[in-house]
Amino acid sequence: MAKRRICERTSVDSISGEVLSSVSTWINKSSESFVMIRTTNGLKWYYSLSKNEKTLVLIMHEKSDSNTMVISFTQQIRKLICDTIGIKKRMLSILLSSLEGNDCFIRLSQNDFLMNPEHMFKCSTNELKKRIFYYKNVKDEKTKKAFLY
């Protein structure tokens, strides 16, 4: 399994410039999992969510594919969410509609959702701009199609 250095600490003698010690921390690439809340555009979207909506959007980001930011609501995912939050399937549908209205994701199909990387993301910041651009393009295309019908 490939390793990645996440931290390097070097101590240098201030008089001689000699390196006294150097310690690196390495991790397995697949061992980290995270979701970052993005504050660049503010958190007004987050503050307006109910407790159940906040929990749901966090679960959706956590369970979304790291490369595509898409989550497919399989029966197992639906059950996990309902059990975790303590809600029925009907309430899940209501929460999803509310989160969609708050631009937390775009519904791609009945069971597939593209998470909004402007709110939360789980990729490098170098990759983030591409994901935001992709999200906006998908959203624009869906808006154009809805407008034409």
N, C-alpha and C. Protein backbone atom coordinates (compact mmCIF):
# COMPACT_ATOMS: atom_id res chain seq x y z
N MET A 1 0.85 -1.17 0.00
CA MET A 1 0.00 0.00 0.00
C MET A 1 0.90 1.24 0.00
N ALA A 2 0.57 2.23 -0.81
CA ALA A 2 1.37 3.45 -0.92
C ALA A 2 1.25 4.28 0.35
N LYS A 3 2.34 4.92 0.70
CA LYS A 3 2.35 5.79 1.88
C LYS A 3 2.52 7.23 1.44
N ARG A 4 2.06 8.14 2.32
CA ARG A 4 2.14 9.57 2.03
C ARG A 4 2.64 10.27 3.29
N ARG A 5 3.58 11.19 3.11
CA ARG A 5 4.09 11.95 4.24
C ARG A 5 3.13 13.10 4.53
N ILE A 6 2.66 13.20 5.78
CA ILE A 6 1.73 14.28 6.12
C ILE A 6 2.36 15.34 7.01
N CYS A 7 3.52 15.04 7.59
CA CYS A 7 4.15 16.00 8.48
C CYS A 7 5.65 15.73 8.53
N GLU A 8 6.43 16.81 8.55
CA GLU A 8 7.87 16.68 8.73
C GLU A 8 8.32 17.75 9.70
N ARG A 9 9.06 17.35 10.73
CA ARG A 9 9.53 18.27 11.75
C ARG A 9 11.05 18.18 11.80
N THR A 10 11.69 19.33 11.62
CA THR A 10 13.15 19.37 11.64
C THR A 10 13.61 20.38 12.68
N SER A 11 14.55 19.96 13.52
CA SER A 11 15.16 20.86 14.51
C SER A 11 16.55 21.23 14.04
N VAL A 12 16.83 22.54 14.02
CA VAL A 12 18.12 23.03 13.53
C VAL A 12 18.78 23.88 14.61
N ASP A 13 20.09 23.66 14.81
CA ASP A 13 20.85 24.47 15.76
C ASP A 13 20.92 25.89 15.20
N SER A 14 20.47 26.87 15.97
CA SER A 14 20.40 28.26 15.47
C SER A 14 21.77 28.89 15.29
N ILE A 15 22.79 28.38 15.94
CA ILE A 15 24.13 28.96 15.82
C ILE A 15 24.90 28.33 14.65
N SER A 16 24.95 27.01 14.62
CA SER A 16 25.76 26.33 13.60
C SER A 16 24.97 26.00 12.33
N GLY A 17 23.64 25.95 12.42
CA GLY A 17 22.82 25.58 11.26
C GLY A 17 22.76 24.08 11.05
N GLU A 18 23.34 23.33 11.99
CA GLU A 18 23.36 21.87 11.89
C GLU A 18 21.96 21.32 12.19
N VAL A 19 21.54 20.33 11.37
CA VAL A 19 20.27 19.66 11.59
C VAL A 19 20.44 18.72 12.78
N LEU A 20 19.67 18.97 13.84
CA LEU A 20 19.77 18.16 15.05
C LEU A 20 18.89 16.91 14.96
N SER A 21 17.70 17.10 14.40
CA SER A 21 16.81 15.93 14.24
C SER A 21 15.80 16.23 13.15
N SER A 22 15.32 15.15 12.54
CA SER A 22 14.30 15.27 11.51
C SER A 22 13.36 14.08 11.65
N VAL A 23 12.07 14.38 11.84
CA VAL A 23 11.08 13.32 12.03
C VAL A 23 9.95 13.52 11.04
N SER A 24 9.61 12.47 10.32
CA SER A 24 8.50 12.52 9.38
C SER A 24 7.38 11.60 9.86
N THR A 25 6.16 12.01 9.62
CA THR A 25 5.00 11.18 9.93
C THR A 25 4.40 10.73 8.61
N TRP A 26 4.22 9.43 8.48
CA TRP A 26 3.70 8.84 7.25
C TRP A 26 2.38 8.13 7.55
N ILE A 27 1.49 8.10 6.57
CA ILE A 27 0.24 7.37 6.70
C ILE A 27 0.01 6.57 5.42
N ASN A 28 -0.83 5.55 5.52
CA ASN A 28 -1.28 4.85 4.32
C ASN A 28 -2.29 5.75 3.63
N LYS A 29 -2.20 5.85 2.32
CA LYS A 29 -3.08 6.75 1.57
C LYS A 29 -4.55 6.51 1.86
N SER A 30 -4.95 5.27 2.03
CA SER A 30 -6.36 4.97 2.19
C SER A 30 -6.82 5.02 3.64
N SER A 31 -5.92 5.37 4.56
CA SER A 31 -6.29 5.30 5.97
C SER A 31 -7.03 6.54 6.47
N GLU A 32 -7.00 7.64 5.73
CA GLU A 32 -7.67 8.85 6.19
C GLU A 32 -9.03 9.00 5.54
N SER A 33 -9.97 9.49 6.33
CA SER A 33 -11.29 9.80 5.83
C SER A 33 -11.72 11.10 6.47
N PHE A 34 -12.23 12.03 5.68
CA PHE A 34 -12.62 13.32 6.23
C PHE A 34 -13.68 13.97 5.37
N VAL A 35 -14.38 14.92 5.97
CA VAL A 35 -15.28 15.82 5.26
C VAL A 35 -14.98 17.20 5.82
N MET A 36 -14.72 18.15 4.94
CA MET A 36 -14.38 19.51 5.36
C MET A 36 -15.57 20.43 5.08
N ILE A 37 -15.94 21.23 6.07
CA ILE A 37 -16.96 22.26 5.85
C ILE A 37 -16.23 23.48 5.31
N ARG A 38 -16.68 23.99 4.20
CA ARG A 38 -16.03 25.13 3.54
C ARG A 38 -16.69 26.42 4.01
N THR A 39 -15.89 27.36 4.49
CA THR A 39 -16.42 28.61 5.04
C THR A 39 -16.17 29.82 4.14
N THR A 40 -15.58 29.60 2.98
CA THR A 40 -15.23 30.70 2.08
C THR A 40 -16.44 31.57 1.74
N ASN A 41 -17.58 30.94 1.49
CA ASN A 41 -18.80 31.69 1.15
C ASN A 41 -19.70 31.87 2.36
N GLY A 42 -19.19 31.63 3.54
CA GLY A 42 -19.99 31.77 4.76
C GLY A 42 -20.69 30.47 5.14
N LEU A 43 -21.32 30.49 6.30
CA LEU A 43 -22.00 29.31 6.81
C LEU A 43 -23.50 29.53 6.99
N LYS A 44 -24.02 30.56 6.37
CA LYS A 44 -25.45 30.83 6.50
C LYS A 44 -26.29 29.61 6.09
N TRP A 45 -25.86 28.94 5.04
CA TRP A 45 -26.57 27.74 4.58
C TRP A 45 -26.63 26.68 5.68
N TYR A 46 -25.54 26.55 6.46
CA TYR A 46 -25.44 25.52 7.49
C TYR A 46 -26.26 25.89 8.73
N TYR A 47 -26.18 27.15 9.13
CA TYR A 47 -26.90 27.59 10.33
C TYR A 47 -28.40 27.46 10.17
N SER A 48 -28.88 27.56 8.95
CA SER A 48 -30.33 27.51 8.72
C SER A 48 -30.89 26.08 8.73
N LEU A 49 -30.02 25.06 8.74
CA LEU A 49 -30.48 23.67 8.71
C LEU A 49 -30.90 23.20 10.09
N SER A 50 -31.88 22.30 10.12
CA SER A 50 -32.28 21.68 11.38
C SER A 50 -31.22 20.65 11.79
N LYS A 51 -31.33 20.14 13.00
CA LYS A 51 -30.38 19.14 13.49
C LYS A 51 -30.38 17.91 12.58
N ASN A 52 -31.56 17.43 12.21
CA ASN A 52 -31.65 16.25 11.33
C ASN A 52 -31.07 16.53 9.95
N GLU A 53 -31.28 17.73 9.42
CA GLU A 53 -30.72 18.09 8.12
C GLU A 53 -29.20 18.15 8.18
N LYS A 54 -28.66 18.71 9.27
CA LYS A 54 -27.20 18.77 9.42
C LYS A 54 -26.61 17.36 9.49
N THR A 55 -27.26 16.49 10.24
CA THR A 55 -26.79 15.11 10.35
C THR A 55 -26.86 14.41 9.00
N LEU A 56 -27.97 14.60 8.30
CA LEU A 56 -28.14 13.95 7.00
C LEU A 56 -27.11 14.42 5.99
N VAL A 57 -26.89 15.73 5.89
CA VAL A 57 -25.93 16.23 4.90
C VAL A 57 -24.51 15.74 5.24
N LEU A 58 -24.19 15.62 6.51
CA LEU A 58 -22.88 15.10 6.90
C LEU A 58 -22.75 13.63 6.51
N ILE A 59 -23.79 12.83 6.77
CA ILE A 59 -23.76 11.41 6.38
C ILE A 59 -23.63 11.29 4.86
N MET A 60 -24.38 12.11 4.13
CA MET A 60 -24.33 12.04 2.67
C MET A 60 -22.93 12.35 2.15
N HIS A 61 -22.29 13.37 2.71
CA HIS A 61 -20.92 13.67 2.28
C HIS A 61 -19.97 12.55 2.65
N GLU A 62 -20.13 12.02 3.85
CA GLU A 62 -19.25 10.95 4.31
C GLU A 62 -19.38 9.71 3.41
N LYS A 63 -20.59 9.38 3.01
CA LYS A 63 -20.84 8.18 2.21
C LYS A 63 -20.69 8.40 0.71
N SER A 64 -20.51 9.65 0.29
CA SER A 64 -20.37 9.91 -1.15
C SER A 64 -19.02 9.40 -1.65
N ASP A 65 -18.97 9.12 -2.93
CA ASP A 65 -17.75 8.65 -3.57
C ASP A 65 -16.69 9.76 -3.53
N SER A 66 -15.49 9.43 -3.11
CA SER A 66 -14.43 10.44 -2.97
C SER A 66 -14.06 11.10 -4.29
N ASN A 67 -14.15 10.36 -5.38
CA ASN A 67 -13.74 10.90 -6.68
C ASN A 67 -14.84 11.69 -7.39
N THR A 68 -16.09 11.29 -7.20
CA THR A 68 -17.18 11.92 -7.94
C THR A 68 -18.11 12.77 -7.09
N MET A 69 -18.05 12.60 -5.78
CA MET A 69 -18.95 13.27 -4.83
C MET A 69 -20.41 12.88 -5.06
N VAL A 70 -20.64 11.72 -5.64
CA VAL A 70 -21.98 11.21 -5.87
C VAL A 70 -22.28 10.16 -4.79
N ILE A 71 -23.50 10.22 -4.28
CA ILE A 71 -23.96 9.18 -3.36
C ILE A 71 -25.19 8.53 -3.97
N SER A 72 -25.19 7.22 -3.95
CA SER A 72 -26.34 6.45 -4.43
C SER A 72 -27.08 5.92 -3.21
N PHE A 73 -28.35 6.23 -3.14
CA PHE A 73 -29.16 5.81 -2.00
C PHE A 73 -29.66 4.38 -2.22
N THR A 74 -28.82 3.45 -1.85
CA THR A 74 -29.22 2.06 -1.87
C THR A 74 -30.13 1.82 -0.66
N GLN A 75 -30.74 0.65 -0.60
CA GLN A 75 -31.58 0.32 0.55
C GLN A 75 -30.76 0.32 1.84
N GLN A 76 -29.50 -0.14 1.76
CA GLN A 76 -28.64 -0.17 2.93
C GLN A 76 -28.33 1.24 3.43
N ILE A 77 -28.06 2.16 2.50
CA ILE A 77 -27.77 3.55 2.89
C ILE A 77 -29.00 4.19 3.50
N ARG A 78 -30.16 3.98 2.89
CA ARG A 78 -31.41 4.53 3.44
C ARG A 78 -31.65 4.02 4.85
N LYS A 79 -31.46 2.72 5.05
CA LYS A 79 -31.68 2.13 6.39
C LYS A 79 -30.69 2.70 7.38
N LEU A 80 -29.42 2.80 6.99
CA LEU A 80 -28.39 3.36 7.87
C LEU A 80 -28.76 4.78 8.30
N ILE A 81 -29.18 5.59 7.34
CA ILE A 81 -29.54 6.98 7.64
C ILE A 81 -30.74 7.04 8.58
N CYS A 82 -31.78 6.29 8.26
CA CYS A 82 -32.98 6.30 9.10
C CYS A 82 -32.67 5.82 10.51
N ASP A 83 -31.85 4.78 10.64
CA ASP A 83 -31.48 4.27 11.96
C ASP A 83 -30.61 5.26 12.72
N THR A 84 -29.67 5.89 12.02
CA THR A 84 -28.75 6.84 12.67
C THR A 84 -29.50 8.07 13.18
N ILE A 85 -30.37 8.61 12.34
CA ILE A 85 -31.08 9.83 12.71
C ILE A 85 -32.30 9.52 13.56
N GLY A 86 -32.85 8.31 13.42
CA GLY A 86 -34.04 7.93 14.16
C GLY A 86 -35.31 8.45 13.51
N ILE A 87 -35.38 8.29 12.17
CA ILE A 87 -36.53 8.79 11.42
C ILE A 87 -37.10 7.68 10.55
N LYS A 88 -38.29 7.93 10.01
CA LYS A 88 -38.94 7.02 9.06
C LYS A 88 -38.57 7.43 7.64
N LYS A 89 -38.82 6.54 6.68
CA LYS A 89 -38.48 6.80 5.27
C LYS A 89 -39.18 8.05 4.73
N ARG A 90 -40.41 8.29 5.16
CA ARG A 90 -41.14 9.47 4.69
C ARG A 90 -40.43 10.75 5.14
N MET A 91 -39.94 10.78 6.38
CA MET A 91 -39.22 11.95 6.88
C MET A 91 -37.91 12.13 6.11
N LEU A 92 -37.28 11.04 5.72
CA LEU A 92 -36.06 11.12 4.93
C LEU A 92 -36.34 11.84 3.61
N SER A 93 -37.45 11.52 2.97
CA SER A 93 -37.82 12.20 1.72
C SER A 93 -38.03 13.69 1.94
N ILE A 94 -38.65 14.05 3.05
CA ILE A 94 -38.88 15.47 3.37
C ILE A 94 -37.55 16.18 3.60
N LEU A 95 -36.66 15.54 4.34
CA LEU A 95 -35.34 16.14 4.60
C LEU A 95 -34.55 16.31 3.30
N LEU A 96 -34.61 15.32 2.42
CA LEU A 96 -33.91 15.41 1.14
C LEU A 96 -34.44 16.57 0.31
N SER A 97 -35.74 16.75 0.28
CA SER A 97 -36.33 17.87 -0.48
C SER A 97 -35.86 19.20 0.08
N SER A 98 -35.82 19.29 1.40
CA SER A 98 -35.37 20.53 2.04
C SER A 98 -33.90 20.83 1.73
N LEU A 99 -33.06 19.79 1.81
CA LEU A 99 -31.63 19.98 1.53
C LEU A 99 -31.39 20.31 0.06
N GLU A 100 -32.18 19.72 -0.81
CA GLU A 100 -32.07 20.05 -2.23
C GLU A 100 -32.42 21.52 -2.45
N GLY A 101 -33.44 22.01 -1.76
CA GLY A 101 -33.83 23.41 -1.84
C GLY A 101 -32.78 24.36 -1.29
N ASN A 102 -31.95 23.87 -0.37
CA ASN A 102 -30.85 24.67 0.20
C ASN A 102 -29.55 24.49 -0.58
N ASP A 103 -29.62 23.89 -1.76
CA ASP A 103 -28.48 23.69 -2.64
C ASP A 103 -27.36 22.87 -1.99
N CYS A 104 -27.72 21.91 -1.16
CA CYS A 104 -26.72 21.03 -0.55
C CYS A 104 -26.29 19.94 -1.52
N PHE A 105 -27.12 19.67 -2.52
CA PHE A 105 -26.81 18.68 -3.54
C PHE A 105 -27.73 18.89 -4.73
N ILE A 106 -27.40 18.18 -5.81
CA ILE A 106 -28.25 18.13 -7.00
C ILE A 106 -28.72 16.69 -7.13
N ARG A 107 -30.01 16.51 -7.35
CA ARG A 107 -30.55 15.17 -7.56
C ARG A 107 -30.29 14.80 -9.02
N LEU A 108 -29.50 13.75 -9.22
CA LEU A 108 -29.17 13.29 -10.57
C LEU A 108 -30.22 12.31 -11.10
N SER A 109 -30.77 11.52 -10.19
CA SER A 109 -31.82 10.55 -10.53
C SER A 109 -32.61 10.30 -9.25
N GLN A 110 -33.50 9.34 -9.30
CA GLN A 110 -34.32 9.03 -8.12
C GLN A 110 -33.45 8.74 -6.89
N ASN A 111 -32.33 8.04 -7.09
CA ASN A 111 -31.52 7.59 -5.96
C ASN A 111 -30.08 8.13 -5.95
N ASP A 112 -29.71 8.96 -6.92
CA ASP A 112 -28.34 9.46 -7.00
C ASP A 112 -28.30 10.97 -6.80
N PHE A 113 -27.31 11.40 -5.98
CA PHE A 113 -27.19 12.81 -5.64
C PHE A 113 -25.74 13.25 -5.80
N LEU A 114 -25.55 14.45 -6.35
CA LEU A 114 -24.22 15.05 -6.47
C LEU A 114 -24.10 16.09 -5.37
N MET A 115 -23.16 15.88 -4.46
CA MET A 115 -23.00 16.76 -3.31
C MET A 115 -22.35 18.09 -3.72
N ASN A 116 -22.75 19.17 -3.06
CA ASN A 116 -22.24 20.50 -3.37
C ASN A 116 -20.87 20.71 -2.71
N PRO A 117 -19.80 20.80 -3.49
CA PRO A 117 -18.47 20.98 -2.91
C PRO A 117 -18.23 22.39 -2.39
N GLU A 118 -19.11 23.34 -2.71
CA GLU A 118 -18.96 24.68 -2.15
C GLU A 118 -19.35 24.69 -0.67
N HIS A 119 -20.13 23.70 -0.24
CA HIS A 119 -20.53 23.60 1.16
C HIS A 119 -19.58 22.71 1.95
N MET A 120 -19.41 21.49 1.48
CA MET A 120 -18.53 20.52 2.12
C MET A 120 -17.81 19.74 1.03
N PHE A 121 -16.62 19.26 1.36
CA PHE A 121 -15.88 18.49 0.36
C PHE A 121 -14.97 17.50 1.06
N LYS A 122 -14.51 16.54 0.28
CA LYS A 122 -13.53 15.58 0.80
C LYS A 122 -12.53 15.25 -0.30
N CYS A 123 -11.77 16.28 -0.63
CA CYS A 123 -10.71 16.15 -1.63
C CYS A 123 -9.65 17.20 -1.31
N SER A 124 -8.57 17.19 -2.06
CA SER A 124 -7.54 18.21 -1.84
C SER A 124 -8.06 19.56 -2.32
N THR A 125 -7.51 20.62 -1.79
CA THR A 125 -7.94 21.96 -2.21
C THR A 125 -7.57 22.21 -3.67
N ASN A 126 -6.55 21.54 -4.18
CA ASN A 126 -6.19 21.65 -5.59
C ASN A 126 -7.31 21.09 -6.47
N GLU A 127 -7.96 20.04 -6.01
CA GLU A 127 -9.04 19.39 -6.75
C GLU A 127 -10.37 20.13 -6.58
N LEU A 128 -10.49 20.90 -5.52
CA LEU A 128 -11.76 21.53 -5.17
C LEU A 128 -12.30 22.44 -6.26
N LYS A 129 -11.46 23.26 -6.86
CA LYS A 129 -11.92 24.18 -7.91
C LYS A 129 -12.56 23.42 -9.08
N LYS A 130 -11.96 22.30 -9.46
CA LYS A 130 -12.51 21.48 -10.55
C LYS A 130 -13.88 20.93 -10.16
N ARG A 131 -14.01 20.50 -8.92
CA ARG A 131 -15.28 19.93 -8.47
C ARG A 131 -16.38 20.98 -8.39
N ILE A 132 -16.01 22.18 -7.95
CA ILE A 132 -16.99 23.28 -7.90
C ILE A 132 -17.43 23.63 -9.32
N PHE A 133 -16.49 23.70 -10.24
CA PHE A 133 -16.80 24.01 -11.64
C PHE A 133 -17.73 22.93 -12.21
N TYR A 134 -17.43 21.67 -11.94
CA TYR A 134 -18.27 20.57 -12.43
C TYR A 134 -19.68 20.66 -11.84
N TYR A 135 -19.76 20.90 -10.54
CA TYR A 135 -21.07 21.00 -9.88
C TYR A 135 -21.90 22.11 -10.50
N LYS A 136 -21.29 23.27 -10.72
CA LYS A 136 -22.02 24.41 -11.31
C LYS A 136 -22.48 24.09 -12.73
N ASN A 137 -21.66 23.39 -13.50
CA ASN A 137 -22.06 23.00 -14.86
C ASN A 137 -23.25 22.05 -14.85
N VAL A 138 -23.21 21.06 -13.96
CA VAL A 138 -24.33 20.11 -13.86
C VAL A 138 -25.59 20.85 -13.43
N LYS A 139 -25.45 21.75 -12.48
CA LYS A 139 -26.60 22.52 -12.00
C LYS A 139 -27.17 23.39 -13.11
N ASP A 140 -26.30 24.06 -13.88
CA ASP A 140 -26.75 24.89 -15.00
C ASP A 140 -27.49 24.06 -16.04
N GLU A 141 -26.96 22.88 -16.36
CA GLU A 141 -27.60 22.00 -17.35
C GLU A 141 -28.98 21.55 -16.87
N LYS A 142 -29.08 21.19 -15.59
CA LYS A 142 -30.38 20.76 -15.04
C LYS A 142 -31.36 21.93 -15.05
N THR A 143 -30.89 23.14 -14.77
CA THR A 143 -31.75 24.32 -14.78
C THR A 143 -32.24 24.61 -16.19
N LYS A 144 -31.34 24.49 -17.18
CA LYS A 144 -31.73 24.72 -18.57
C LYS A 144 -32.79 23.72 -19.01
N LYS A 145 -32.59 22.44 -18.66
CA LYS A 145 -33.55 21.40 -19.04
C LYS A 145 -34.90 21.65 -18.38
N ALA A 146 -34.89 22.04 -17.11
CA ALA A 146 -36.15 22.31 -16.39
C ALA A 146 -36.87 23.52 -17.01
N PHE A 147 -36.10 24.51 -17.44
CA PHE A 147 -36.67 25.71 -18.03
C PHE A 147 -37.31 25.41 -19.39
N LEU A 148 -36.73 24.48 -20.13
CA LEU A 148 -37.25 24.14 -21.45
C LEU A 148 -38.56 23.35 -21.38
N TYR A 149 -38.80 22.66 -20.27
CA TYR A 149 -40.03 21.86 -20.14
C TYR A 149 -41.10 22.66 -19.58
